[in-house]
Amino acid sequence: MNQHCILVGAPVDSGQSNPGCLMGPASYRVAGLAGTLSELGCSVEDRGDVAPRVSEAGTCTNAAVHHLGETVSWTQALADAAEHSMAAGLPIFLGGDHSLSLGTVAGVAAHARKHARPLFVLWLDAHSDFHTPMTTRSGNLHGTPVAYLAGLADFENFPPFPDPVPADRICLFGIRSVDPDERTALRRHGITPVDMRELDERGFVAPLSAFLDQVRAADGLLHVSLDVDFLDPSIAPAVGTTVPGGATFREAHLVMEMLHESGLVSSLDLVELNPFLDERGRTARLMVDLTASLMGRTVFDRVNRSL
């Protein structure tokens, strides 16, 4: 089935401390994302970049938090853009640091609630992003989206999340860097990440298949948030938060092909691409190739042949 893909640029750079993510949307466009999707038979609508009006968001008692007003403004603007684009097709949000998901998932959740569909979230990331504005020590709000969508407290400056996602509908996949405060909060909330130790032991297919079976059984919508640092930095260097031991080229494509075969993905984030740290665009091209796999491009002929 051909998809109508809606590209939404989110040049967010306020959620972390390494300038450059604001160039991400342009880098995806230069790397040929729209053309690649068109070659797969998708119709493509590029709605350009979201441009929020920055407003005051009050203050946070955690002095480490920075760019609060700017991040809240992005959250409001992207929530609106996400809800509107969900009504028209499959939105692909071009980031931008991971704080953009504060807004994109909120908009997707509003759409899901309006249509009485349960929302599931697959978080492909090295980090759990389960801090709140009160627990983050770095002050980087790109480490807070999962806590926000799960309905944790301490987000008073942000719009109320439309419909918090229950713990059993959140899959943190490929995790290999969790702070002590996050670990405590995850246990308290009942979320057990699928970390790289589990993936080394069980492989990628079994845990991902189990989660996709849940989505299918509930007739749910599936939002996928793909962080560059889900990938091993040896193949994807263009990210400010590199963590060794990430998904390999083959593993990442396997995940994307499984997602395509499931037919369940309803929205997608591409986040944390920092072109300033890239090597001749290799990370941007890899992320475009992974998106192509999610949308149906296959590398191998799967037809059985007699030898």
C-alpha atoms as a PDB file:
ATOM      1  CA  MET A   1       0.000   0.000   0.000  1.00  0.00           C
ATOM      2  CA  ASN A   2       1.455   3.347  -1.039  1.00  0.00           C
ATOM      3  CA  GLN A   3       1.633   5.980   1.647  1.00  0.00           C
ATOM      4  CA  HIS A   4       1.112   9.702   1.576  1.00  0.00           C
ATOM      5  CA  CYS A   5       4.194  10.898   3.450  1.00  0.00           C
ATOM      6  CA  ILE A   6       4.192  14.374   4.960  1.00  0.00           C
ATOM      7  CA  LEU A   7       7.598  15.866   5.702  1.00  0.00           C
ATOM      8  CA  VAL A   8       7.630  18.330   8.594  1.00  0.00           C
ATOM      9  CA  GLY A   9      10.898  20.097   9.363  1.00  0.00           C
ATOM     10  CA  ALA A  10      11.674  20.641  13.043  1.00  0.00           C
ATOM     11  CA  PRO A  11      14.974  22.539  13.256  1.00  0.00           C
ATOM     12  CA  VAL A  12      15.052  22.316  17.046  1.00  0.00           C
ATOM     13  CA  ASP A  13      18.381  23.056  18.709  1.00  0.00           C
ATOM     14  CA  SER A  14      17.244  24.155  22.164  1.00  0.00           C
ATOM     15  CA  GLY A  15      17.080  20.792  23.903  1.00  0.00           C
ATOM     16  CA  GLN A  16      20.800  20.040  24.063  1.00  0.00           C
ATOM     17  CA  SER A  17      24.195  21.719  24.190  1.00  0.00           C
ATOM     18  CA  ASN A  18      25.891  20.851  20.887  1.00  0.00           C
ATOM     19  CA  PRO A  19      24.859  23.357  18.201  1.00  0.00           C
ATOM     20  CA  GLY A  20      24.075  21.943  14.786  1.00  0.00           C
ATOM     21  CA  CYS A  21      20.843  19.947  14.988  1.00  0.00           C
ATOM     22  CA  LEU A  22      18.928  22.873  13.503  1.00  0.00           C
ATOM     23  CA  MET A  23      20.597  21.969  10.196  1.00  0.00           C
ATOM     24  CA  GLY A  24      19.090  18.478  10.307  1.00  0.00           C
ATOM     25  CA  PRO A  25      15.956  19.084   8.211  1.00  0.00           C
ATOM     26  CA  ALA A  26      17.964  20.678   5.400  1.00  0.00           C
ATOM     27  CA  SER A  27      20.428  17.789   5.500  1.00  0.00           C
ATOM     28  CA  TYR A  28      17.660  15.207   5.046  1.00  0.00           C
ATOM     29  CA  ARG A  29      16.327  17.141   2.101  1.00  0.00           C
ATOM     30  CA  VAL A  30      19.785  17.421   0.505  1.00  0.00           C
ATOM     31  CA  ALA A  31      20.295  13.679   1.098  1.00  0.00           C
ATOM     32  CA  GLY A  32      17.260  13.042  -1.109  1.00  0.00           C
ATOM     33  CA  LEU A  33      14.608  11.858   1.329  1.00  0.00           C
ATOM     34  CA  ALA A  34      11.678  13.098  -0.754  1.00  0.00           C
ATOM     35  CA  GLY A  35      13.008  11.580  -3.969  1.00  0.00           C
ATOM     36  CA  THR A  36      13.757   8.277  -2.260  1.00  0.00           C
ATOM     37  CA  LEU A  37      10.210   8.037  -0.933  1.00  0.00           C
ATOM     38  CA  SER A  38       8.786   8.926  -4.347  1.00  0.00           C
ATOM     39  CA  GLU A  39      10.816   6.147  -5.972  1.00  0.00           C
ATOM     40  CA  LEU A  40       9.124   3.716  -3.570  1.00  0.00           C
ATOM     41  CA  GLY A  41       5.711   4.798  -4.839  1.00  0.00           C
ATOM     42  CA  CYS A  42       4.878   7.111  -1.949  1.00  0.00           C
ATOM     43  CA  SER A  43       3.314  10.478  -2.563  1.00  0.00           C
ATOM     44  CA  VAL A  44       5.306  13.144  -0.762  1.00  0.00           C
ATOM     45  CA  GLU A  45       4.195  16.484   0.621  1.00  0.00           C
ATOM     46  CA  ASP A  46       6.873  18.687   2.160  1.00  0.00           C
ATOM     47  CA  ARG A  47       5.256  21.201   4.475  1.00  0.00           C
ATOM     48  CA  GLY A  48       8.521  23.006   5.155  1.00  0.00           C
ATOM     49  CA  ASP A  49       9.898  23.855   8.568  1.00  0.00           C
ATOM     50  CA  VAL A  50       7.808  24.696  11.600  1.00  0.00           C
ATOM     51  CA  ALA A  51       8.649  28.150  12.958  1.00  0.00           C
ATOM     52  CA  PRO A  52       7.196  28.773  16.426  1.00  0.00           C
ATOM     53  CA  ARG A  53       6.815  32.127  18.068  1.00  0.00           C
ATOM     54  CA  VAL A  54       9.015  32.013  21.151  1.00  0.00           C
ATOM     55  CA  SER A  55       7.169  32.928  24.319  1.00  0.00           C
ATOM     56  CA  GLU A  56       7.974  33.142  27.992  1.00  0.00           C
ATOM     57  CA  ALA A  57       7.380  29.875  29.817  1.00  0.00           C
ATOM     58  CA  GLY A  58       8.036  30.933  33.368  1.00  0.00           C
ATOM     59  CA  THR A  59      10.984  29.616  35.309  1.00  0.00           C
ATOM     60  CA  CYS A  60      12.169  26.233  36.477  1.00  0.00           C
ATOM     61  CA  THR A  61      13.482  25.763  40.009  1.00  0.00           C
ATOM     62  CA  ASN A  62      16.151  23.469  38.564  1.00  0.00           C
ATOM     63  CA  ALA A  63      18.764  26.064  37.648  1.00  0.00           C
ATOM     64  CA  ALA A  64      20.457  23.674  35.207  1.00  0.00           C
ATOM     65  CA  VAL A  65      17.517  23.791  32.775  1.00  0.00           C
ATOM     66  CA  HIS A  66      18.187  26.036  29.789  1.00  0.00           C
ATOM     67  CA  HIS A  67      16.153  27.295  26.817  1.00  0.00           C
ATOM     68  CA  LEU A  68      12.912  26.468  28.620  1.00  0.00           C
ATOM     69  CA  GLY A  69      10.756  29.066  26.861  1.00  0.00           C
ATOM     70  CA  GLU A  70      12.091  28.142  23.440  1.00  0.00           C
ATOM     71  CA  THR A  71      11.513  24.421  24.027  1.00  0.00           C
ATOM     72  CA  VAL A  72       7.970  24.976  25.284  1.00  0.00           C
ATOM     73  CA  SER A  73       7.231  27.040  22.180  1.00  0.00           C
ATOM     74  CA  TRP A  74       8.550  24.266  19.942  1.00  0.00           C
ATOM     75  CA  THR A  75       6.391  21.774  21.847  1.00  0.00           C
ATOM     76  CA  GLN A  76       3.233  23.787  21.266  1.00  0.00           C
ATOM     77  CA  ALA A  77       3.960  24.415  17.582  1.00  0.00           C
ATOM     78  CA  LEU A  78       4.978  20.840  16.792  1.00  0.00           C
ATOM     79  CA  ALA A  79       1.978  19.397  18.625  1.00  0.00           C
ATOM     80  CA  ASP A  80      -0.293  21.433  16.343  1.00  0.00           C
ATOM     81  CA  ALA A  81       1.687  20.465  13.238  1.00  0.00           C
ATOM     82  CA  ALA A  82       1.682  16.794  14.206  1.00  0.00           C
ATOM     83  CA  GLU A  83      -2.038  16.607  14.868  1.00  0.00           C
ATOM     84  CA  HIS A  84      -2.846  18.304  11.563  1.00  0.00           C
ATOM     85  CA  SER A  85      -0.456  16.130   9.545  1.00  0.00           C
ATOM     86  CA  MET A  86      -1.738  12.905  11.141  1.00  0.00           C
ATOM     87  CA  ALA A  87      -5.118  13.678   9.661  1.00  0.00           C
ATOM     88  CA  ALA A  88      -3.633  13.756   6.151  1.00  0.00           C
ATOM     89  CA  GLY A  89      -1.110  10.937   5.990  1.00  0.00           C
ATOM     90  CA  LEU A  90       2.023   9.533   7.592  1.00  0.00           C
ATOM     91  CA  PRO A  91       4.083  12.395   9.014  1.00  0.00           C
ATOM     92  CA  ILE A  92       7.863  12.197   9.103  1.00  0.00           C
ATOM     93  CA  PHE A  93       9.334  14.789  11.455  1.00  0.00           C
ATOM     94  CA  LEU A  94      12.816  15.906  10.428  1.00  0.00           C
ATOM     95  CA  GLY A  95      14.881  16.949  13.419  1.00  0.00           C
ATOM     96  CA  GLY A  96      16.255  18.606  15.240  1.00  0.00           C
ATOM     97  CA  ASP A  97      17.196  17.348  18.692  1.00  0.00           C
ATOM     98  CA  HIS A  98      15.035  14.848  20.569  1.00  0.00           C
ATOM     99  CA  SER A  99      13.170  17.521  22.529  1.00  0.00           C
ATOM    100  CA  LEU A 100      11.083  17.892  19.361  1.00  0.00           C
ATOM    101  CA  SER A 101       9.285  14.694  20.423  1.00  0.00           C
ATOM    102  CA  LEU A 102       7.747  16.567  23.336  1.00  0.00           C
ATOM    103  CA  GLY A 103       5.576  18.146  20.647  1.00  0.00           C
ATOM    104  CA  THR A 104       5.333  15.499  17.942  1.00  0.00           C
ATOM    105  CA  VAL A 105       4.144  12.726  20.255  1.00  0.00           C
ATOM    106  CA  ALA A 106       1.718  15.119  21.949  1.00  0.00           C
ATOM    107  CA  GLY A 107       0.133  15.917  18.588  1.00  0.00           C
ATOM    108  CA  VAL A 108       0.003  12.254  17.602  1.00  0.00           C
ATOM    109  CA  ALA A 109      -1.568  11.429  20.986  1.00  0.00           C
ATOM    110  CA  ALA A 110      -4.242  14.093  20.463  1.00  0.00           C
ATOM    111  CA  HIS A 111      -5.062  12.554  17.083  1.00  0.00           C
ATOM    112  CA  ALA A 112      -5.186   9.045  18.579  1.00  0.00           C
ATOM    113  CA  ARG A 113      -7.531  10.177  21.351  1.00  0.00           C
ATOM    114  CA  LYS A 114      -9.812  11.902  18.861  1.00  0.00           C
ATOM    115  CA  HIS A 115     -10.119   8.665  16.886  1.00  0.00           C
ATOM    116  CA  ALA A 116     -10.349   6.411  19.965  1.00  0.00           C
ATOM    117  CA  ARG A 117      -7.174   4.502  19.002  1.00  0.00           C
ATOM    118  CA  PRO A 118      -4.550   3.469  21.563  1.00  0.00           C
ATOM    119  CA  LEU A 119      -1.125   4.991  20.940  1.00  0.00           C
ATOM    120  CA  PHE A 120       2.051   2.929  21.185  1.00  0.00           C
ATOM    121  CA  VAL A 121       5.563   4.411  21.112  1.00  0.00           C
ATOM    122  CA  LEU A 122       8.735   2.667  19.913  1.00  0.00           C
ATOM    123  CA  TRP A 123      11.769   4.612  21.140  1.00  0.00           C
ATOM    124  CA  LEU A 124      14.895   3.651  19.170  1.00  0.00           C
ATOM    125  CA  ASP A 125      17.633   5.325  21.170  1.00  0.00           C
ATOM    126  CA  ALA A 126      20.786   4.844  23.208  1.00  0.00           C
ATOM    127  CA  HIS A 127      19.133   6.777  26.047  1.00  0.00           C
ATOM    128  CA  SER A 128      15.873   6.295  27.922  1.00  0.00           C
ATOM    129  CA  ASP A 129      15.078  10.065  27.937  1.00  0.00           C
ATOM    130  CA  PHE A 130      13.138   9.577  31.180  1.00  0.00           C
ATOM    131  CA  HIS A 131      14.271  12.669  33.055  1.00  0.00           C
ATOM    132  CA  THR A 132      11.887  15.445  34.050  1.00  0.00           C
ATOM    133  CA  PRO A 133      12.843  19.122  34.157  1.00  0.00           C
ATOM    134  CA  MET A 134      13.440  18.619  37.880  1.00  0.00           C
ATOM    135  CA  THR A 135      15.724  15.574  37.660  1.00  0.00           C
ATOM    136  CA  THR A 136      17.930  16.490  34.712  1.00  0.00           C
ATOM    137  CA  ARG A 137      21.418  17.439  35.842  1.00  0.00           C
ATOM    138  CA  SER A 138      22.623  18.584  32.434  1.00  0.00           C
ATOM    139  CA  GLY A 139      19.558  20.788  31.932  1.00  0.00           C
ATOM    140  CA  ASN A 140      19.197  19.356  28.418  1.00  0.00           C
ATOM    141  CA  LEU A 141      15.495  18.905  27.752  1.00  0.00           C
ATOM    142  CA  HIS A 142      16.095  16.411  24.941  1.00  0.00           C
ATOM    143  CA  GLY A 143      16.394  13.919  27.797  1.00  0.00           C
ATOM    144  CA  THR A 144      12.776  14.383  28.939  1.00  0.00           C
ATOM    145  CA  PRO A 145      10.283  13.376  26.192  1.00  0.00           C
ATOM    146  CA  VAL A 146       9.511   9.841  27.380  1.00  0.00           C
ATOM    147  CA  ALA A 147       8.788  11.059  30.905  1.00  0.00           C
ATOM    148  CA  TYR A 148       6.465  13.681  29.423  1.00  0.00           C
ATOM    149  CA  LEU A 149       4.518  11.280  27.219  1.00  0.00           C
ATOM    150  CA  ALA A 150       4.293   8.787  30.093  1.00  0.00           C
ATOM    151  CA  GLY A 151       2.514  11.405  32.196  1.00  0.00           C
ATOM    152  CA  LEU A 152       5.145  12.098  34.868  1.00  0.00           C
ATOM    153  CA  ALA A 153       4.878  15.226  36.990  1.00  0.00           C
ATOM    154  CA  ASP A 154       7.178  18.299  36.937  1.00  0.00           C
ATOM    155  CA  PHE A 155       6.184  19.471  33.443  1.00  0.00           C
ATOM    156  CA  GLU A 156       4.126  22.403  34.719  1.00  0.00           C
ATOM    157  CA  ASN A 157       5.601  24.790  32.152  1.00  0.00           C
ATOM    158  CA  PHE A 158       4.527  22.555  29.263  1.00  0.00           C
ATOM    159  CA  PRO A 159       1.044  22.036  27.824  1.00  0.00           C
ATOM    160  CA  PRO A 160      -0.676  19.095  29.569  1.00  0.00           C
ATOM    161  CA  PHE A 161       0.043  15.932  27.603  1.00  0.00           C
ATOM    162  CA  PRO A 162      -3.223  15.037  25.814  1.00  0.00           C
ATOM    163  CA  ASP A 163      -3.439  11.385  26.833  1.00  0.00           C
ATOM    164  CA  PRO A 164      -0.446   9.886  28.693  1.00  0.00           C
ATOM    165  CA  VAL A 165       0.841   6.644  27.186  1.00  0.00           C
ATOM    166  CA  PRO A 166       0.673   3.673  29.600  1.00  0.00           C
ATOM    167  CA  ALA A 167       3.917   1.915  30.459  1.00  0.00           C
ATOM    168  CA  ASP A 168       3.002  -1.247  28.569  1.00  0.00           C
ATOM    169  CA  ARG A 169       2.612   0.747  25.358  1.00  0.00           C
ATOM    170  CA  ILE A 170       6.124   2.230  25.520  1.00  0.00           C
ATOM    171  CA  CYS A 171       9.051   0.224  24.168  1.00  0.00           C
ATOM    172  CA  LEU A 172      12.503   1.677  24.810  1.00  0.00           C
ATOM    173  CA  PHE A 173      14.620  -0.312  22.344  1.00  0.00           C
ATOM    174  CA  GLY A 174      18.413  -0.417  22.020  1.00  0.00           C
ATOM    175  CA  ILE A 175      19.038   1.398  25.302  1.00  0.00           C
ATOM    176  CA  ARG A 176      22.581   1.471  26.653  1.00  0.00           C
ATOM    177  CA  SER A 177      22.879   4.681  28.688  1.00  0.00           C
ATOM    178  CA  VAL A 178      20.556   5.305  31.655  1.00  0.00           C
ATOM    179  CA  ASP A 179      21.240   7.720  34.525  1.00  0.00           C
ATOM    180  CA  PRO A 180      20.585   6.546  38.113  1.00  0.00           C
ATOM    181  CA  ASP A 181      17.608   8.901  38.539  1.00  0.00           C
ATOM    182  CA  GLU A 182      16.116   7.617  35.301  1.00  0.00           C
ATOM    183  CA  ARG A 183      16.636   3.996  36.338  1.00  0.00           C
ATOM    184  CA  THR A 184      14.759   4.597  39.573  1.00  0.00           C
ATOM    185  CA  ALA A 185      11.917   6.388  37.775  1.00  0.00           C
ATOM    186  CA  LEU A 186      11.628   3.693  35.112  1.00  0.00           C
ATOM    187  CA  ARG A 187      11.309   0.975  37.744  1.00  0.00           C
ATOM    188  CA  ARG A 188       8.753   2.989  39.666  1.00  0.00           C
ATOM    189  CA  HIS A 189       6.729   3.523  36.487  1.00  0.00           C
ATOM    190  CA  GLY A 190       6.929  -0.109  35.405  1.00  0.00           C
ATOM    191  CA  ILE A 191       8.998   0.328  32.248  1.00  0.00           C
ATOM    192  CA  THR A 192      11.760  -2.174  31.526  1.00  0.00           C
ATOM    193  CA  PRO A 193      13.877  -1.039  28.571  1.00  0.00           C
ATOM    194  CA  VAL A 194      14.928  -3.510  25.912  1.00  0.00           C
ATOM    195  CA  ASP A 195      18.610  -2.768  26.338  1.00  0.00           C
ATOM    196  CA  MET A 196      21.544  -3.918  24.241  1.00  0.00           C
ATOM    197  CA  ARG A 197      22.316  -6.711  26.714  1.00  0.00           C
ATOM    198  CA  GLU A 198      18.896  -8.214  26.042  1.00  0.00           C
ATOM    199  CA  LEU A 199      19.301  -7.729  22.306  1.00  0.00           C
ATOM    200  CA  ASP A 200      22.703  -9.420  22.409  1.00  0.00           C
ATOM    201  CA  GLU A 201      21.175 -12.377  24.228  1.00  0.00           C
ATOM    202  CA  ARG A 202      17.832 -12.715  22.433  1.00  0.00           C
ATOM    203  CA  GLY A 203      18.430 -10.996  19.120  1.00  0.00           C
ATOM    204  CA  PHE A 204      16.353  -8.174  17.661  1.00  0.00           C
ATOM    205  CA  VAL A 205      13.457 -10.156  16.225  1.00  0.00           C
ATOM    206  CA  ALA A 206      11.824 -11.663  19.327  1.00  0.00           C
ATOM    207  CA  PRO A 207      11.406  -8.518  21.488  1.00  0.00           C
ATOM    208  CA  LEU A 208      10.382  -6.307  18.568  1.00  0.00           C
ATOM    209  CA  SER A 209       7.907  -8.891  17.279  1.00  0.00           C
ATOM    210  CA  ALA A 210       6.349  -9.160  20.729  1.00  0.00           C
ATOM    211  CA  PHE A 211       5.802  -5.410  20.915  1.00  0.00           C
ATOM    212  CA  LEU A 212       4.383  -5.245  17.393  1.00  0.00           C
ATOM    213  CA  ASP A 213       1.996  -8.066  18.262  1.00  0.00           C
ATOM    214  CA  GLN A 214       0.681  -5.910  21.123  1.00  0.00           C
ATOM    215  CA  VAL A 215       0.097  -2.978  18.784  1.00  0.00           C
ATOM    216  CA  ARG A 216      -1.698  -5.192  16.269  1.00  0.00           C
ATOM    217  CA  ALA A 217      -3.895  -6.850  18.886  1.00  0.00           C
ATOM    218  CA  ALA A 218      -5.019  -3.467  20.219  1.00  0.00           C
ATOM    219  CA  ASP A 219      -5.554  -1.945  16.742  1.00  0.00           C
ATOM    220  CA  GLY A 220      -3.185   0.772  17.873  1.00  0.00           C
ATOM    221  CA  LEU A 221      -1.328   3.605  16.216  1.00  0.00           C
ATOM    222  CA  LEU A 222       2.463   3.286  16.349  1.00  0.00           C
ATOM    223  CA  HIS A 223       4.768   6.259  16.647  1.00  0.00           C
ATOM    224  CA  VAL A 224       8.436   5.477  15.983  1.00  0.00           C
ATOM    225  CA  SER A 225      11.112   7.840  17.251  1.00  0.00           C
ATOM    226  CA  LEU A 226      14.490   7.090  15.649  1.00  0.00           C
ATOM    227  CA  ASP A 227      17.506   8.754  17.256  1.00  0.00           C
ATOM    228  CA  VAL A 228      20.801   8.726  15.355  1.00  0.00           C
ATOM    229  CA  ASP A 229      22.504   7.409  18.488  1.00  0.00           C
ATOM    230  CA  PHE A 230      20.428   4.224  18.298  1.00  0.00           C
ATOM    231  CA  LEU A 231      23.061   3.368  15.685  1.00  0.00           C
ATOM    232  CA  ASP A 232      26.657   2.561  16.463  1.00  0.00           C
ATOM    233  CA  PRO A 233      28.814   5.688  16.067  1.00  0.00           C
ATOM    234  CA  SER A 234      31.118   3.795  13.706  1.00  0.00           C
ATOM    235  CA  ILE A 235      28.380   3.985  11.070  1.00  0.00           C
ATOM    236  CA  ALA A 236      26.576   7.146  12.255  1.00  0.00           C
ATOM    237  CA  PRO A 237      29.007   9.711  13.665  1.00  0.00           C
ATOM    238  CA  ALA A 238      26.800  12.793  13.228  1.00  0.00           C
ATOM    239  CA  VAL A 239      25.350  12.992  16.730  1.00  0.00           C
ATOM    240  CA  GLY A 240      26.443  14.871  19.830  1.00  0.00           C
ATOM    241  CA  THR A 241      25.624  12.002  22.207  1.00  0.00           C
ATOM    242  CA  THR A 242      27.569   9.045  20.824  1.00  0.00           C
ATOM    243  CA  VAL A 243      27.442   5.836  22.860  1.00  0.00           C
ATOM    244  CA  PRO A 244      29.481   2.824  21.678  1.00  0.00           C
ATOM    245  CA  GLY A 245      27.761  -0.491  21.084  1.00  0.00           C
ATOM    246  CA  GLY A 246      24.738   0.613  19.092  1.00  0.00           C
ATOM    247  CA  ALA A 247      22.828  -1.132  16.325  1.00  0.00           C
ATOM    248  CA  THR A 248      24.851  -2.199  13.320  1.00  0.00           C
ATOM    249  CA  PHE A 249      23.930  -1.440   9.721  1.00  0.00           C
ATOM    250  CA  ARG A 250      22.308  -4.863   9.307  1.00  0.00           C
ATOM    251  CA  GLU A 251      20.478  -4.759  12.648  1.00  0.00           C
ATOM    252  CA  ALA A 252      19.065  -1.309  11.981  1.00  0.00           C
ATOM    253  CA  HIS A 253      17.796  -2.294   8.548  1.00  0.00           C
ATOM    254  CA  LEU A 254      16.259  -5.441  10.033  1.00  0.00           C
ATOM    255  CA  VAL A 255      14.295  -3.302  12.501  1.00  0.00           C
ATOM    256  CA  MET A 256      13.076  -1.033   9.708  1.00  0.00           C
ATOM    257  CA  GLU A 257      12.079  -3.946   7.469  1.00  0.00           C
ATOM    258  CA  MET A 258      10.156  -5.543  10.340  1.00  0.00           C
ATOM    259  CA  LEU A 259       8.346  -2.264  10.944  1.00  0.00           C
ATOM    260  CA  HIS A 260       7.402  -2.060   7.284  1.00  0.00           C
ATOM    261  CA  GLU A 261       6.190  -5.649   7.183  1.00  0.00           C
ATOM    262  CA  SER A 262       4.020  -5.007  10.239  1.00  0.00           C
ATOM    263  CA  GLY A 263       2.112  -2.228   8.439  1.00  0.00           C
ATOM    264  CA  LEU A 264       1.589  -0.532  11.802  1.00  0.00           C
ATOM    265  CA  VAL A 265       3.744   2.616  11.718  1.00  0.00           C
ATOM    266  CA  SER A 266       1.637   5.772  11.656  1.00  0.00           C
ATOM    267  CA  SER A 267       4.251   8.462  12.352  1.00  0.00           C
ATOM    268  CA  LEU A 268       8.028   8.817  12.516  1.00  0.00           C
ATOM    269  CA  ASP A 269      10.616  11.069  14.163  1.00  0.00           C
ATOM    270  CA  LEU A 270      14.141  11.356  12.736  1.00  0.00           C
ATOM    271  CA  VAL A 271      16.135  13.080  15.456  1.00  0.00           C
ATOM    272  CA  GLU A 272      19.549  14.220  16.697  1.00  0.00           C
ATOM    273  CA  LEU A 273      21.233  14.445  13.289  1.00  0.00           C
ATOM    274  CA  ASN A 274      23.975  17.058  13.596  1.00  0.00           C
ATOM    275  CA  PRO A 275      25.379  17.642  10.092  1.00  0.00           C
ATOM    276  CA  PHE A 276      28.249  19.676  11.568  1.00  0.00           C
ATOM    277  CA  LEU A 277      29.587  16.390  12.992  1.00  0.00           C
ATOM    278  CA  ASP A 278      28.981  14.283   9.884  1.00  0.00           C
ATOM    279  CA  GLU A 279      31.474  12.862   7.409  1.00  0.00           C
ATOM    280  CA  ARG A 280      30.458  13.929   3.902  1.00  0.00           C
ATOM    281  CA  GLY A 281      26.804  13.341   4.689  1.00  0.00           C
ATOM    282  CA  ARG A 282      27.168   9.620   5.472  1.00  0.00           C
ATOM    283  CA  THR A 283      24.888   9.711   8.530  1.00  0.00           C
ATOM    284  CA  ALA A 284      22.164  11.662   6.733  1.00  0.00           C
ATOM    285  CA  ARG A 285      22.277   9.191   3.840  1.00  0.00           C
ATOM    286  CA  LEU A 286      22.076   6.240   6.235  1.00  0.00           C
ATOM    287  CA  MET A 287      19.043   7.725   7.975  1.00  0.00           C
ATOM    288  CA  VAL A 288      17.397   8.238   4.570  1.00  0.00           C
ATOM    289  CA  ASP A 289      18.188   4.626   3.662  1.00  0.00           C
ATOM    290  CA  LEU A 290      16.680   3.402   6.948  1.00  0.00           C
ATOM    291  CA  THR A 291      13.546   5.432   6.287  1.00  0.00           C
ATOM    292  CA  ALA A 292      13.389   3.842   2.845  1.00  0.00           C
ATOM    293  CA  SER A 293      13.553   0.385   4.448  1.00  0.00           C
ATOM    294  CA  LEU A 294      10.728   1.335   6.783  1.00  0.00           C
ATOM    295  CA  MET A 295       8.702   2.409   3.755  1.00  0.00           C
ATOM    296  CA  GLY A 296       9.279  -0.803   1.841  1.00  0.00           C
ATOM    297  CA  ARG A 297      12.650  -0.850   0.129  1.00  0.00           C
ATOM    298  CA  THR A 298      14.267  -4.262   0.424  1.00  0.00           C
ATOM    299  CA  VAL A 299      17.863  -5.252  -0.187  1.00  0.00           C
ATOM    300  CA  PHE A 300      17.507  -8.996  -0.586  1.00  0.00           C
ATOM    301  CA  ASP A 301      15.275 -11.049  -2.823  1.00  0.00           C
ATOM    302  CA  ARG A 302      13.227 -13.089  -0.362  1.00  0.00           C
ATOM    303  CA  VAL A 303      11.851 -15.532  -2.967  1.00  0.00           C
ATOM    304  CA  ASN A 304      12.930 -19.111  -2.155  1.00  0.00           C
ATOM    305  CA  ARG A 305      15.046 -20.734  -4.826  1.00  0.00           C
ATOM    306  CA  SER A 306      15.940 -24.398  -5.206  1.00  0.00           C
ATOM    307  CA  LEU A 307      19.674 -24.942  -5.186  1.00  0.00           C
END
